[in-house]
Protein backbone atom coordinates (compact mmCIF):
# COMPACT_ATOMS: atom_id res chain seq x y z
CA MET A 1 56.05 69.38 304.48
CA ASN A 2 55.82 70.21 308.16
CA SER A 3 54.35 73.35 309.72
CA TRP A 4 57.56 75.36 310.01
CA GLU A 5 58.46 74.67 306.38
CA ALA A 6 54.98 75.85 305.38
CA VAL A 7 55.47 79.03 307.42
CA VAL A 8 58.81 79.69 305.70
CA LEU A 9 57.32 79.23 302.21
CA GLY A 10 54.35 81.40 303.15
CA LEU A 11 56.76 84.13 304.25
CA VAL A 12 58.70 83.76 301.00
CA GLN A 13 55.51 84.03 298.93
CA GLY A 14 54.28 87.08 300.84
CA LEU A 15 57.64 88.84 300.70
CA THR A 16 58.32 88.25 297.02
CA GLU A 17 54.96 88.25 295.21
CA PHE A 18 54.73 92.01 294.76
CA LEU A 19 58.43 92.77 294.42
CA PRO A 20 59.92 92.47 290.91
CA ILE A 21 62.06 89.47 291.91
CA SER A 22 59.82 86.46 291.05
CA SER A 23 57.96 84.69 293.84
CA SER A 24 57.75 81.43 291.86
CA ALA A 25 61.54 81.35 291.51
CA HIS A 26 61.99 81.90 295.24
CA LEU A 27 59.46 79.21 296.15
CA SER A 28 61.20 76.73 293.86
CA ILE A 29 64.66 77.51 295.25
CA VAL A 30 63.69 77.70 298.94
CA GLY A 31 61.45 74.65 298.59
CA GLN A 32 64.42 72.59 297.39
CA LEU A 33 66.64 73.86 300.17
CA LEU A 34 64.00 73.00 302.77
CA GLY A 35 62.64 69.70 301.55
CA ASP A 36 64.77 68.74 298.55
CA VAL A 37 61.74 69.12 296.26
CA ASP A 38 60.12 71.84 294.15
CA PRO A 39 56.79 72.70 295.87
CA GLY A 40 55.22 72.72 292.39
CA ALA A 41 53.11 75.00 290.24
CA ALA A 42 49.89 74.08 292.09
CA PHE A 43 51.29 75.06 295.50
CA THR A 44 52.62 78.31 294.03
CA ALA A 45 49.28 79.19 292.40
CA ILE A 46 47.21 78.35 295.50
CA THR A 47 49.40 80.36 297.91
CA GLN A 48 49.05 83.31 295.52
CA ILE A 49 45.37 83.37 296.50
CA GLY A 50 46.61 84.66 299.86
CA THR A 51 48.64 87.48 298.38
CA GLU A 52 45.90 88.46 295.94
CA THR A 53 43.42 88.60 298.83
CA ALA A 54 45.80 91.16 300.31
CA VAL A 55 45.51 93.13 297.04
CA LEU A 56 41.71 92.99 297.27
CA LEU A 57 41.87 94.34 300.81
CA TYR A 58 44.40 97.09 300.11
CA PHE A 59 42.77 98.30 296.87
CA ARG A 60 39.20 97.66 298.04
CA ARG A 61 38.09 101.27 297.42
CA ASP A 62 39.66 101.35 293.94
CA ILE A 63 38.11 97.98 293.08
CA ARG A 64 34.69 99.09 294.32
CA GLN A 65 34.87 102.30 292.24
CA ILE A 66 35.93 100.34 289.17
CA CYS A 67 33.13 97.77 289.53
CA VAL A 68 30.41 100.38 290.23
CA ALA A 69 31.56 102.66 287.39
CA TRP A 70 31.73 99.73 284.96
CA TRP A 71 28.21 98.59 285.82
CA LYS A 72 26.79 102.10 285.47
CA ALA A 73 28.49 102.51 282.10
CA VAL A 74 27.29 99.13 280.82
CA ARG A 75 23.68 99.79 281.78
CA GLY A 76 23.84 103.16 279.98
CA ASP A 77 23.80 105.72 282.80
CA ALA A 78 26.24 107.97 280.89
CA GLY A 79 24.70 107.28 277.48
CA THR A 80 23.42 104.38 275.44
CA ASP A 81 25.93 104.59 272.58
CA TRP A 82 28.75 102.04 272.54
CA ARG A 83 31.46 104.56 273.47
CA SER A 84 29.60 105.55 276.63
CA ARG A 85 29.01 101.92 277.55
CA MET A 86 32.75 101.28 277.12
CA GLY A 87 33.51 103.99 279.65
CA ALA A 88 34.48 106.89 277.39
CA HIS A 89 33.46 109.37 280.09
CA ASP A 90 34.75 107.53 283.18
CA LEU A 91 38.32 106.37 283.86
CA HIS A 92 37.18 103.77 286.40
CA ALA A 93 34.79 102.19 283.91
CA ARG A 94 37.53 102.09 281.27
CA MET A 95 39.89 100.53 283.81
CA ALA A 96 37.55 97.55 284.16
CA TRP A 97 37.69 96.97 280.41
CA PHE A 98 41.48 97.47 280.36
CA ILE A 99 41.96 94.89 283.14
CA ALA A 100 39.78 92.42 281.23
CA LEU A 101 41.64 93.12 277.99
CA GLY A 102 45.04 92.81 279.67
CA SER A 103 44.06 89.47 281.19
CA VAL A 104 43.40 87.80 277.83
CA PRO A 105 47.05 86.97 276.92
CA ILE A 106 47.85 85.14 280.16
CA VAL A 107 44.62 83.12 280.01
CA ILE A 108 45.23 81.97 276.43
CA LEU A 109 48.97 81.28 276.86
CA GLY A 110 48.42 79.68 280.27
CA LEU A 111 45.96 77.16 278.81
CA LEU A 112 48.03 76.50 275.68
CA PHE A 113 51.27 75.88 277.57
CA GLN A 114 49.91 74.48 280.85
CA ASP A 115 51.92 71.25 280.70
CA ALA A 116 55.20 73.04 279.96
CA ILE A 117 54.53 75.61 282.70
CA GLU A 118 54.04 72.86 285.27
CA THR A 119 57.06 70.80 284.15
CA ASN A 120 59.87 71.83 281.78
CA LEU A 121 59.70 75.58 282.33
CA ARG A 122 60.34 75.05 286.05
CA ASN A 123 63.91 73.97 285.28
CA LEU A 124 66.15 76.09 287.51
CA TRP A 125 68.58 76.89 284.69
CA ILE A 126 65.68 78.56 282.89
CA THR A 127 64.84 80.37 286.13
CA VAL A 128 68.44 81.62 286.43
CA ALA A 129 68.39 82.92 282.86
CA MET A 130 65.06 84.71 283.40
CA LEU A 131 66.22 86.26 286.69
CA ALA A 132 69.27 87.74 284.98
CA LEU A 133 67.64 88.73 281.67
CA PHE A 134 64.59 90.43 283.14
CA GLY A 135 66.70 92.00 285.86
CA VAL A 136 68.71 93.74 283.16
CA LEU A 137 65.53 94.70 281.26
CA LEU A 138 64.03 96.20 284.44
CA GLY A 139 67.19 98.26 284.96
CA VAL A 140 67.17 99.49 281.37
CA ALA A 141 63.45 100.34 281.51
CA ASP A 142 63.86 102.24 284.76
CA ARG A 143 66.77 104.19 283.27
CA VAL A 144 65.38 105.06 279.83
CA GLY A 145 61.64 105.16 280.54
CA ARG A 146 60.21 108.67 280.50
CA LYS A 147 58.11 108.00 283.63
CA VAL A 148 55.64 110.81 282.88
CA ARG A 149 52.39 109.05 281.94
CA PRO A 150 49.78 108.68 284.70
CA LEU A 151 47.34 105.79 284.82
CA ASP A 152 44.79 108.06 283.12
CA ASP A 153 46.80 107.65 279.90
CA LEU A 154 46.12 103.91 279.69
CA THR A 155 44.85 102.84 276.25
CA PRO A 156 43.70 99.50 274.78
CA ALA A 157 47.11 99.08 273.13
CA SER A 158 49.03 99.69 276.37
CA ALA A 159 46.65 97.39 278.26
CA VAL A 160 47.47 94.58 275.81
CA GLY A 161 51.18 95.40 276.17
CA TYR A 162 50.89 95.04 279.92
CA GLY A 163 48.97 91.81 279.37
CA PHE A 164 51.66 90.14 277.28
CA ALA A 165 54.30 91.24 279.79
CA GLN A 166 52.26 89.64 282.57
CA ALA A 167 51.94 86.43 280.54
CA LEU A 168 55.74 86.10 280.46
CA ALA A 169 55.58 85.54 284.22
CA LEU A 170 54.21 82.06 283.51
CA ILE A 171 57.93 81.26 283.31
CA PRO A 172 59.47 81.19 286.82
CA GLY A 173 62.13 83.84 287.19
CA VAL A 174 60.42 86.50 285.06
CA SER A 175 58.22 87.94 287.85
CA ARG A 176 54.65 89.05 287.25
CA SER A 177 55.19 92.49 288.79
CA GLY A 178 58.66 92.74 287.25
CA GLY A 179 57.39 92.01 283.75
CA THR A 180 54.41 94.36 283.90
CA ILE A 181 56.34 97.15 285.62
CA THR A 182 59.13 96.86 283.01
CA ALA A 183 56.55 97.13 280.23
CA GLY A 184 54.91 100.10 281.92
CA LEU A 185 58.19 101.96 282.31
CA LEU A 186 59.11 101.32 278.66
CA MET A 187 55.71 102.72 277.64
CA GLY A 188 56.48 105.89 279.61
CA PHE A 189 54.29 105.36 282.68
CA THR A 190 55.43 106.54 286.11
CA ARG A 191 56.78 103.98 288.56
CA GLU A 192 53.70 104.25 290.76
CA ALA A 193 51.25 104.03 287.83
CA ALA A 194 53.01 100.95 286.46
CA ALA A 195 53.00 99.27 289.88
CA ARG A 196 49.34 100.07 290.67
CA TYR A 197 48.11 98.75 287.32
CA SER A 198 50.33 95.69 287.79
CA PHE A 199 48.55 94.94 291.07
CA LEU A 200 45.07 95.43 289.61
CA LEU A 201 45.82 93.49 286.42
CA ALA A 202 47.05 90.50 288.42
CA ILE A 203 43.77 90.00 290.30
CA PRO A 204 41.75 88.05 287.66
CA ALA A 205 44.72 86.01 286.42
CA VAL A 206 46.15 85.04 289.81
CA LEU A 207 42.82 84.31 291.48
CA GLY A 208 41.67 82.37 288.41
CA SER A 209 44.87 80.31 288.34
CA GLY A 210 44.80 79.74 292.09
CA PHE A 211 41.22 78.55 292.26
CA PHE A 212 41.71 76.45 289.11
CA GLN A 213 44.66 74.66 290.72
CA LEU A 214 42.75 74.34 294.00
CA ALA A 215 39.78 72.71 292.25
CA LYS A 216 42.15 70.48 290.29
CA SER A 217 43.91 69.35 293.47
CA VAL A 218 40.59 68.58 295.16
CA ALA A 219 39.28 66.66 292.14
CA ASP A 220 42.43 64.74 291.22
CA GLY A 221 44.21 64.68 294.56
CA PRO A 222 47.62 66.27 295.22
CA GLU A 223 50.56 65.24 293.08
CA PRO A 224 53.02 62.81 294.71
CA GLY A 225 55.52 64.72 296.86
CA SER A 226 53.55 67.97 296.80
CA PRO A 227 52.64 69.78 300.05
CA GLY A 228 49.47 68.62 301.77
CA ALA A 229 46.30 70.67 302.28
CA GLY A 230 47.21 71.73 305.82
CA ALA A 231 50.67 72.99 304.86
CA THR A 232 49.27 74.80 301.81
CA LEU A 233 46.59 76.51 303.94
CA VAL A 234 49.16 77.67 306.51
CA ALA A 235 51.43 79.05 303.76
CA THR A 236 48.50 80.84 302.11
CA LEU A 237 47.44 82.56 305.34
CA ILE A 238 51.00 83.66 306.09
CA ALA A 239 51.35 84.94 302.51
CA PHE A 240 48.20 87.06 302.96
CA VAL A 241 49.42 88.82 306.11
CA VAL A 242 52.98 89.41 304.89
CA GLY A 243 51.83 90.36 301.38
CA TYR A 244 49.56 93.12 302.72
CA LEU A 245 52.46 94.69 304.60
CA VAL A 246 54.73 94.43 301.56
CA ILE A 247 52.21 96.30 299.37
CA ILE A 248 52.22 99.24 301.78
CA VAL A 249 56.02 99.42 301.94
CA PHE A 250 56.61 98.77 298.23
CA LEU A 251 54.31 101.55 297.00
CA LYS A 252 56.05 104.00 299.33
CA ILE A 253 59.52 102.91 298.21
CA ILE A 254 58.92 103.22 294.47
CA SER A 255 57.58 106.75 294.78
CA THR A 256 61.02 107.82 296.05
CA TYR A 257 63.66 105.35 294.89
CA SER A 258 64.62 103.56 291.67
CA TYR A 259 64.37 99.83 290.95
CA ARG A 260 68.17 99.47 290.94
CA PRO A 261 68.35 97.47 294.23
CA PHE A 262 65.95 94.90 292.76
CA VAL A 263 68.05 94.67 289.59
CA TRP A 264 71.21 93.93 291.57
CA TYR A 265 69.34 91.47 293.78
CA ARG A 266 68.08 89.53 290.75
CA LEU A 267 71.56 89.37 289.22
CA GLY A 268 73.09 88.31 292.53
CA LEU A 269 70.46 85.63 293.08
CA ALA A 270 70.99 84.29 289.54
CA ALA A 271 74.74 84.02 290.24
CA VAL A 272 74.25 82.29 293.61
CA VAL A 273 71.73 79.79 292.20
CA SER A 274 74.09 79.04 289.28
CA VAL A 275 76.87 78.17 291.73
CA MET A 276 74.49 76.01 293.78
CA LEU A 277 73.40 74.16 290.65
CA VAL A 278 76.99 73.55 289.47
CA THR A 279 78.04 72.31 292.93
CA GLY A 280 75.02 70.05 293.30
CA VAL A 281 73.39 71.88 296.20
CA LEU A 282 70.33 72.40 293.98
CA THR A 283 68.98 70.19 291.21
CA ALA A 284 67.82 71.84 288.02
């Protein structure tokens, strides 16, 4: 992969990571069109470090409040009983536990199905099906969801629900933000609440996956045909800059408009990729 191809894939990652349209699907499709090869799960995971760094920067005050409140609750500042230590009196402290709880499903399922995630599940026909199916589900959720619950209403049960929705994004085409936002809307949360928790919930899982794949690539060497270290670094840096700008715009858009444009985009992309697969432009 040369520098300009790395820049293009970095742009794709940054533009699509936080939108409910599946960044992994876009990287797979664009990667084939550029270099006639899927960039791979490792490249996808490592470049997501860039976009998650953008999340850390944008939500730095929220993250600081969550970490400080959690530590104070754990050490017993608000009381030494177990409810106080679990953050019963502080939303930010509870949020730390909810993020941890919501991260459990993707960790377990990611380890159990690692081989399938890196190979068979990257088949583009599966990606097409997931783009269409979860596009429809997002549209339905946005239409029927009550959209009245603020983030304060988060409970252990809803945190686990978000977590399983996030875990579905291990399959390219589902979309991490799309899956969690769909779940949030179906549970009655507002668009903004669902999106903000989606961003925060993704931090441990995405950074963990990215650094795991990075360590694996360093230890075992890159897979044959995968992008080199230089190209991956360029793409990651580009993804960080573009991703930060996308967060700002996306959070403003969803406070005013519906998710309908993203639904139609997913369905249109699924149709276009299907035609490209049938005609041989892309290989499944």
